[in-house]
Structures are given as C-alpha cells and as structure tokens.
Amino acid sequence: MDHPSPQQQHAFDVLVSVAFEKSWRFVEKDPFLTHNAEALLRARLRVHLERSLETGEKNVLHLANNAIWNLRTELGRQPGSPGSRS
C-alpha cells in the first residue's frame, strides 16, 4: 500500500474535516439517530467520510450526504419505534 505524501494527507484531513462539519449539523439533530451516543455518531460519521474519500469521492457535499445516508443505514431507527424517545 502506498503511503500518502504529507500534502496528500493534509488534503485528505481537510476534506474529512470540512465534510464532517457540514454533515454533523444534520446528524446531531436527526430524529433517526438521536438514540445513539454522540461519541459513537461522531466516530462512525468520520469512518464513513474516510471510506468515501478513499474510494475517490472529492466533492464535499457528496461526501457529507453519503456519510449521513450510510450512518442512517447503519445506526438509524424510525422515530416512534420501540426504544425511541418520541
């Protein structure tokens, strides 16, 4: 496996950070995800962002939207379902 240059790693980190901030604003208020611990949501959101970036996605909006979708698929629950807070 090739190791990224410091410049590539910095660009990767910046994209993940920008996409994280963009997506987190939605995730933290998402009624499908509120039953999860904040630390878990943050960790899994970052994993989903990194995976999308590693597969070649560079568009911040696409990164954010894909990560939200994947997080909802992985951890989401319908509001009003057993165990939810509604």
Protein backbone atom coordinates (compact mmCIF):
# COMPACT_ATOMS: atom_id res chain seq x y z
CA MET A 1 0.00 0.00 0.00
CA ASP A 2 1.31 3.43 -0.90
CA HIS A 3 1.80 5.92 1.87
CA PRO A 4 0.37 9.36 1.11
CA SER A 5 2.68 12.32 0.98
CA PRO A 6 2.31 14.90 3.76
CA GLN A 7 0.49 17.17 1.28
CA GLN A 8 -1.93 14.39 0.28
CA GLN A 9 -2.57 13.52 3.92
CA HIS A 10 -3.22 17.17 4.73
CA ALA A 11 -5.67 17.48 1.82
CA PHE A 12 -7.40 14.25 2.97
CA ASP A 13 -7.67 15.56 6.55
CA VAL A 14 -9.03 18.93 5.39
CA LEU A 15 -11.70 17.29 3.22
CA VAL A 16 -12.75 14.97 6.05
CA SER A 17 -12.93 17.92 8.49
CA VAL A 18 -14.96 20.13 6.17
CA ALA A 19 -17.34 17.32 5.24
CA PHE A 20 -17.63 16.31 8.91
CA GLU A 21 -18.69 19.80 9.97
CA LYS A 22 -21.18 20.02 7.12
CA SER A 23 -22.74 16.64 7.89
CA TRP A 24 -22.61 16.89 11.68
CA ARG A 25 -25.06 19.82 11.66
CA PHE A 26 -27.66 17.39 10.32
CA VAL A 27 -26.61 14.28 12.21
CA GLU A 28 -26.78 15.87 15.66
CA LYS A 29 -30.45 16.80 15.08
CA ASP A 30 -31.50 13.75 13.05
CA PRO A 31 -34.51 12.06 14.71
CA PHE A 32 -33.44 8.74 13.17
CA LEU A 33 -30.12 8.87 15.06
CA THR A 34 -30.86 10.56 18.39
CA HIS A 35 -30.95 7.26 20.27
CA ASN A 36 -27.20 6.82 19.70
CA ALA A 37 -24.41 8.24 21.87
CA GLU A 38 -22.76 11.35 20.45
CA ALA A 39 -19.29 9.76 20.61
CA LEU A 40 -20.48 6.80 18.56
CA LEU A 41 -22.14 9.04 15.97
CA ARG A 42 -19.02 11.16 15.61
CA ALA A 43 -16.72 8.15 15.28
CA ARG A 44 -18.91 6.33 12.75
CA LEU A 45 -19.53 9.52 10.74
CA ARG A 46 -15.78 10.02 10.40
CA VAL A 47 -15.31 6.39 9.29
CA HIS A 48 -17.97 6.78 6.60
CA LEU A 49 -16.41 10.04 5.38
CA GLU A 50 -12.94 8.49 5.22
CA ARG A 51 -14.22 5.45 3.30
CA SER A 52 -15.93 7.62 0.69
CA LEU A 53 -12.83 9.74 0.31
CA GLU A 54 -10.64 6.65 -0.05
CA THR A 55 -12.86 5.40 -2.88
CA GLY A 56 -12.19 8.61 -4.78
CA GLU A 57 -15.03 10.98 -3.84
CA LYS A 58 -13.71 14.53 -3.53
CA ASN A 59 -16.92 16.61 -3.58
CA VAL A 60 -17.58 17.80 -0.02
CA LEU A 61 -21.36 17.83 -0.44
CA HIS A 62 -21.35 14.29 -1.83
CA LEU A 63 -19.04 13.16 0.97
CA ALA A 64 -21.35 14.65 3.61
CA ASN A 65 -24.56 13.32 2.06
CA ASN A 66 -23.14 9.82 1.55
CA ALA A 67 -21.86 9.70 5.13
CA ILE A 68 -25.26 10.78 6.51
CA TRP A 69 -27.00 8.16 4.37
CA ASN A 70 -24.58 5.42 5.45
CA LEU A 71 -24.84 6.42 9.10
CA ARG A 72 -28.64 6.32 8.95
CA THR A 73 -28.48 2.91 7.28
CA GLU A 74 -26.06 1.62 9.91
CA LEU A 75 -27.48 3.15 13.09
CA GLY A 76 -30.83 4.68 12.24
CA ARG A 77 -34.18 3.88 13.76
CA GLN A 78 -37.62 5.13 12.83
CA PRO A 79 -38.96 7.80 15.21
CA GLY A 80 -41.68 6.23 17.33
CA SER A 81 -40.24 2.71 17.09
CA PRO A 82 -39.70 0.71 20.28
CA GLY A 83 -36.91 2.23 22.32
CA SER A 84 -37.02 5.63 20.63
CA ARG A 85 -37.55 8.80 22.62
CA SER A 86 -40.60 10.10 20.76
